[in-house]
């Protein structure tokens, strides 16, 4: 009896295996399997895409950081060059101003020398003329005085 019950039980379990599958049943099973496969494939692809997104975002962030660092470095270098140029330009301006002041001072001396030369060229002949006239005037006065004395002496002698 036990064997009979076991056999019946096993027959009951396998009774569905003896049934026939229709085309609709096969289509339904295939659709479910295809849908499950597509779902697993989409999940896998989404996982891969998420991984790639994270990897690409990390690389983009690293590149952004490098670009920022390069930009900061370039800005610092440009600022240093600008400071150096401003310092050099300031030094050149100071030197030019000093040289221009020296030229102006030398030019002032040149003007003073020219004025002195002009004054000497105009004034010296005048002084010479005045001195000569005074000397001639003295000599003439002394000659006139001598002539007067001679005239008086002659007048005294004739009188």
C-alpha atoms as a PDB file:
ATOM      1  CA  UNK A   1       0.000   0.000   0.000  1.00  0.00           C
ATOM      2  CA  UNK A   2       2.687   2.317   0.756  1.00  0.00           C
ATOM      3  CA  UNK A   3       4.204   1.767  -2.597  1.00  0.00           C
ATOM      4  CA  UNK A   4       0.889   2.306  -4.247  1.00  0.00           C
ATOM      5  CA  UNK A   5       0.390   5.624  -2.463  1.00  0.00           C
ATOM      6  CA  UNK A   6       3.851   6.715  -3.382  1.00  0.00           C
ATOM      7  CA  UNK A   7       3.261   5.734  -6.986  1.00  0.00           C
ATOM      8  CA  UNK A   8      -0.038   7.586  -7.062  1.00  0.00           C
ATOM      9  CA  UNK A   9       1.496  10.576  -5.491  1.00  0.00           C
ATOM     10  CA  UNK A  10       4.292  10.596  -8.053  1.00  0.00           C
ATOM     11  CA  UNK A  11       1.771  10.186 -10.851  1.00  0.00           C
ATOM     12  CA  UNK A  12      -0.156  13.167  -9.556  1.00  0.00           C
ATOM     13  CA  UNK A  13       2.949  15.258  -9.547  1.00  0.00           C
ATOM     14  CA  UNK A  14       3.911  14.288 -13.048  1.00  0.00           C
ATOM     15  CA  UNK A  15       0.436  14.551 -14.523  1.00  0.00           C
ATOM     16  CA  UNK A  16       1.069  18.082 -15.682  1.00  0.00           C
ATOM     17  CA  UNK A  17       4.165  16.894 -17.520  1.00  0.00           C
ATOM     18  CA  UNK A  18       1.998  14.843 -19.780  1.00  0.00           C
ATOM     19  CA  UNK A  19      -0.071  17.818 -20.820  1.00  0.00           C
ATOM     20  CA  UNK A  20       0.583  19.505 -24.174  1.00  0.00           C
ATOM     21  CA  UNK A  21       1.793  23.080 -24.595  1.00  0.00           C
ATOM     22  CA  UNK A  22      -0.029  25.227 -27.087  1.00  0.00           C
ATOM     23  CA  UNK A  23       1.549  27.873 -29.307  1.00  0.00           C
ATOM     24  CA  UNK A  24       0.029  30.589 -27.119  1.00  0.00           C
ATOM     25  CA  UNK A  25       1.552  28.961 -24.046  1.00  0.00           C
ATOM     26  CA  UNK A  26       4.960  28.892 -25.761  1.00  0.00           C
ATOM     27  CA  UNK A  27       4.589  32.526 -26.874  1.00  0.00           C
ATOM     28  CA  UNK A  28       3.649  33.565 -23.354  1.00  0.00           C
ATOM     29  CA  UNK A  29       6.606  31.697 -21.887  1.00  0.00           C
ATOM     30  CA  UNK A  30       8.970  33.146 -24.528  1.00  0.00           C
ATOM     31  CA  UNK A  31       7.620  36.668 -23.949  1.00  0.00           C
ATOM     32  CA  UNK A  32       8.131  36.329 -20.209  1.00  0.00           C
ATOM     33  CA  UNK A  33      11.638  34.971 -20.709  1.00  0.00           C
ATOM     34  CA  UNK A  34      12.473  37.658 -23.280  1.00  0.00           C
ATOM     35  CA  UNK A  35      11.053  40.372 -20.991  1.00  0.00           C
ATOM     36  CA  UNK A  36      13.043  38.993 -18.047  1.00  0.00           C
ATOM     37  CA  UNK A  37      16.168  38.808 -20.207  1.00  0.00           C
ATOM     38  CA  UNK A  38      15.625  42.351 -21.491  1.00  0.00           C
ATOM     39  CA  UNK A  39      15.057  43.550 -17.918  1.00  0.00           C
ATOM     40  CA  UNK A  40      18.292  41.897 -16.769  1.00  0.00           C
ATOM     41  CA  UNK A  41      20.122  43.314 -19.811  1.00  0.00           C
ATOM     42  CA  UNK A  42      18.758  46.844 -19.141  1.00  0.00           C
ATOM     43  CA  UNK A  43      19.782  46.596 -15.490  1.00  0.00           C
ATOM     44  CA  UNK A  44      23.239  45.441 -16.531  1.00  0.00           C
ATOM     45  CA  UNK A  45      23.541  48.208 -19.128  1.00  0.00           C
ATOM     46  CA  UNK A  46      22.257  50.786 -16.617  1.00  0.00           C
ATOM     47  CA  UNK A  47      24.825  49.574 -14.086  1.00  0.00           C
ATOM     48  CA  UNK A  48      27.565  49.849 -16.709  1.00  0.00           C
ATOM     49  CA  UNK A  49      26.341  53.311 -17.766  1.00  0.00           C
ATOM     50  CA  UNK A  50      26.216  54.450 -14.126  1.00  0.00           C
ATOM     51  CA  UNK A  51      29.741  53.143 -13.633  1.00  0.00           C
ATOM     52  CA  UNK A  52      30.915  54.937 -16.772  1.00  0.00           C
ATOM     53  CA  UNK A  53      29.094  58.116 -15.692  1.00  0.00           C
ATOM     54  CA  UNK A  54      30.823  58.006 -12.325  1.00  0.00           C
ATOM     55  CA  UNK A  55      34.181  57.300 -13.963  1.00  0.00           C
ATOM     56  CA  UNK A  56      33.710  60.052 -16.556  1.00  0.00           C
ATOM     57  CA  UNK A  57      32.482  62.520 -13.933  1.00  0.00           C
ATOM     58  CA  UNK A  58      35.506  61.730 -11.783  1.00  0.00           C
ATOM     59  CA  UNK A  59      37.814  62.270 -14.770  1.00  0.00           C
ATOM     60  CA  UNK A  60      36.013  65.477 -15.737  1.00  0.00           C
ATOM     61  CA  UNK A  61      36.280  66.720 -12.143  1.00  0.00           C
ATOM     62  CA  UNK A  62      39.987  65.871 -12.134  1.00  0.00           C
ATOM     63  CA  UNK A  63      40.466  67.709 -15.440  1.00  0.00           C
ATOM     64  CA  UNK A  64      38.493  70.695 -14.138  1.00  0.00           C
ATOM     65  CA  UNK A  65      40.726  70.748 -11.073  1.00  0.00           C
ATOM     66  CA  UNK A  66      43.852  70.572 -13.232  1.00  0.00           C
ATOM     67  CA  UNK A  67      42.530  73.353 -15.461  1.00  0.00           C
ATOM     68  CA  UNK A  68      41.787  75.475 -12.388  1.00  0.00           C
ATOM     69  CA  UNK A  69      45.278  74.789 -11.045  1.00  0.00           C
ATOM     70  CA  UNK A  70      46.856  75.690 -14.384  1.00  0.00           C
ATOM     71  CA  UNK A  71      44.705  78.845 -14.551  1.00  0.00           C
ATOM     72  CA  UNK A  72      45.743  79.856 -11.030  1.00  0.00           C
ATOM     73  CA  UNK A  73      49.377  79.121 -11.859  1.00  0.00           C
ATOM     74  CA  UNK A  74      49.163  81.158 -15.063  1.00  0.00           C
ATOM     75  CA  UNK A  75      47.454  84.034 -13.244  1.00  0.00           C
ATOM     76  CA  UNK A  76      50.176  83.993 -10.603  1.00  0.00           C
ATOM     77  CA  UNK A  77      52.889  84.010 -13.279  1.00  0.00           C
ATOM     78  CA  UNK A  78      51.155  86.788 -15.200  1.00  0.00           C
ATOM     79  CA  UNK A  79      50.866  88.826 -11.984  1.00  0.00           C
ATOM     80  CA  UNK A  80      54.577  88.269 -11.280  1.00  0.00           C
ATOM     81  CA  UNK A  81      55.522  89.322 -14.809  1.00  0.00           C
ATOM     82  CA  UNK A  82      53.243  92.362 -14.534  1.00  0.00           C
ATOM     83  CA  UNK A  83      54.831  93.355 -11.215  1.00  0.00           C
ATOM     84  CA  UNK A  84      58.312  92.941 -12.702  1.00  0.00           C
ATOM     85  CA  UNK A  85      57.362  94.988 -15.750  1.00  0.00           C
ATOM     86  CA  UNK A  86      55.808  97.699 -13.589  1.00  0.00           C
ATOM     87  CA  UNK A  87      58.946  97.797 -11.463  1.00  0.00           C
ATOM     88  CA  UNK A  88      61.179  97.973 -14.536  1.00  0.00           C
ATOM     89  CA  UNK A  89      59.002 100.614 -16.156  1.00  0.00           C
ATOM     90  CA  UNK A  90      59.079 102.614 -12.921  1.00  0.00           C
ATOM     91  CA  UNK A  91      62.879 102.344 -12.820  1.00  0.00           C
ATOM     92  CA  UNK A  92      63.138 103.402 -16.456  1.00  0.00           C
ATOM     93  CA  UNK A  93      60.816 106.365 -15.782  1.00  0.00           C
ATOM     94  CA  UNK A  94      62.932 107.395 -12.792  1.00  0.00           C
ATOM     95  CA  UNK A  95      66.125 107.140 -14.852  1.00  0.00           C
ATOM     96  CA  UNK A  96      64.553 109.098 -17.705  1.00  0.00           C
ATOM     97  CA  UNK A  97      63.307 111.767 -15.314  1.00  0.00           C
ATOM     98  CA  UNK A  98      66.752 112.030 -13.754  1.00  0.00           C
ATOM     99  CA  UNK A  99      68.359 112.288 -17.191  1.00  0.00           C
ATOM    100  CA  UNK A 100      65.790 114.832 -18.339  1.00  0.00           C
ATOM    101  CA  UNK A 101      66.441 116.862 -15.181  1.00  0.00           C
ATOM    102  CA  UNK A 102      70.176 116.643 -15.868  1.00  0.00           C
ATOM    103  CA  UNK A 103      69.605 117.757 -19.448  1.00  0.00           C
ATOM    104  CA  UNK A 104      67.409 120.614 -18.227  1.00  0.00           C
ATOM    105  CA  UNK A 105      70.083 121.629 -15.729  1.00  0.00           C
ATOM    106  CA  UNK A 106      72.776 121.404 -18.402  1.00  0.00           C
ATOM    107  CA  UNK A 107      70.515 123.283 -20.789  1.00  0.00           C
ATOM    108  CA  UNK A 108      70.043 125.969 -18.137  1.00  0.00           C
ATOM    109  CA  UNK A 109      73.809 126.253 -17.863  1.00  0.00           C
ATOM    110  CA  UNK A 110      74.041 126.459 -21.634  1.00  0.00           C
ATOM    111  CA  UNK A 111      71.512 129.304 -21.600  1.00  0.00           C
ATOM    112  CA  UNK A 112      73.427 131.061 -18.863  1.00  0.00           C
ATOM    113  CA  UNK A 113      76.682 130.662 -20.792  1.00  0.00           C
ATOM    114  CA  UNK A 114      75.010 131.915 -23.988  1.00  0.00           C
ATOM    115  CA  UNK A 115      73.564 134.900 -22.147  1.00  0.00           C
ATOM    116  CA  UNK A 116      76.987 135.623 -20.660  1.00  0.00           C
ATOM    117  CA  UNK A 117      78.573 135.388 -24.108  1.00  0.00           C
ATOM    118  CA  UNK A 118      75.939 137.677 -25.595  1.00  0.00           C
ATOM    119  CA  UNK A 119      76.357 140.106 -22.731  1.00  0.00           C
ATOM    120  CA  UNK A 120      80.117 139.966 -23.188  1.00  0.00           C
ATOM    121  CA  UNK A 121      79.809 140.362 -26.960  1.00  0.00           C
ATOM    122  CA  UNK A 122      77.567 143.392 -26.575  1.00  0.00           C
ATOM    123  CA  UNK A 123      78.903 144.822 -23.342  1.00  0.00           C
ATOM    124  CA  UNK A 124      82.646 144.342 -23.771  1.00  0.00           C
ATOM    125  CA  UNK A 125      82.967 146.549 -26.839  1.00  0.00           C
ATOM    126  CA  UNK A 126      80.863 149.162 -25.069  1.00  0.00           C
ATOM    127  CA  UNK A 127      83.137 148.988 -22.050  1.00  0.00           C
ATOM    128  CA  UNK A 128      86.160 149.240 -24.277  1.00  0.00           C
ATOM    129  CA  UNK A 129      84.647 152.281 -26.000  1.00  0.00           C
ATOM    130  CA  UNK A 130      83.836 153.892 -22.662  1.00  0.00           C
ATOM    131  CA  UNK A 131      87.306 153.154 -21.299  1.00  0.00           C
ATOM    132  CA  UNK A 132      88.921 154.448 -24.457  1.00  0.00           C
ATOM    133  CA  UNK A 133      86.789 157.576 -24.383  1.00  0.00           C
ATOM    134  CA  UNK A 134      87.662 158.168 -20.746  1.00  0.00           C
ATOM    135  CA  UNK A 135      91.352 157.681 -21.429  1.00  0.00           C
ATOM    136  CA  UNK A 136      91.156 159.845 -24.506  1.00  0.00           C
ATOM    137  CA  UNK A 137      89.105 162.317 -22.527  1.00  0.00           C
ATOM    138  CA  UNK A 138      91.783 162.441 -19.815  1.00  0.00           C
ATOM    139  CA  UNK A 139      94.541 162.737 -22.367  1.00  0.00           C
ATOM    140  CA  UNK A 140      92.590 165.398 -24.194  1.00  0.00           C
ATOM    141  CA  UNK A 141      91.893 167.236 -20.961  1.00  0.00           C
ATOM    142  CA  UNK A 142      95.506 167.044 -19.978  1.00  0.00           C
ATOM    143  CA  UNK A 143      96.519 168.265 -23.463  1.00  0.00           C
ATOM    144  CA  UNK A 144      93.870 171.001 -23.252  1.00  0.00           C
ATOM    145  CA  UNK A 145      95.174 171.872 -19.823  1.00  0.00           C
ATOM    146  CA  UNK A 146      98.719 171.988 -21.131  1.00  0.00           C
ATOM    147  CA  UNK A 147      97.626 174.096 -24.087  1.00  0.00           C
ATOM    148  CA  UNK A 148      95.798 176.465 -21.757  1.00  0.00           C
ATOM    149  CA  UNK A 149      98.865 176.713 -19.613  1.00  0.00           C
ATOM    150  CA  UNK A 150     100.988 177.421 -22.686  1.00  0.00           C
ATOM    151  CA  UNK A 151      98.429 179.941 -23.862  1.00  0.00           C
ATOM    152  CA  UNK A 152      98.435 181.617 -20.440  1.00  0.00           C
ATOM    153  CA  UNK A 153     102.189 181.503 -20.358  1.00  0.00           C
ATOM    154  CA  UNK A 154     102.338 183.073 -23.768  1.00  0.00           C
ATOM    155  CA  UNK A 155      99.788 185.634 -22.779  1.00  0.00           C
ATOM    156  CA  UNK A 156     101.721 186.376 -19.641  1.00  0.00           C
ATOM    157  CA  UNK A 157     104.935 186.576 -21.574  1.00  0.00           C
ATOM    158  CA  UNK A 158     103.447 188.880 -24.187  1.00  0.00           C
ATOM    159  CA  UNK A 159     101.853 191.080 -21.644  1.00  0.00           C
END
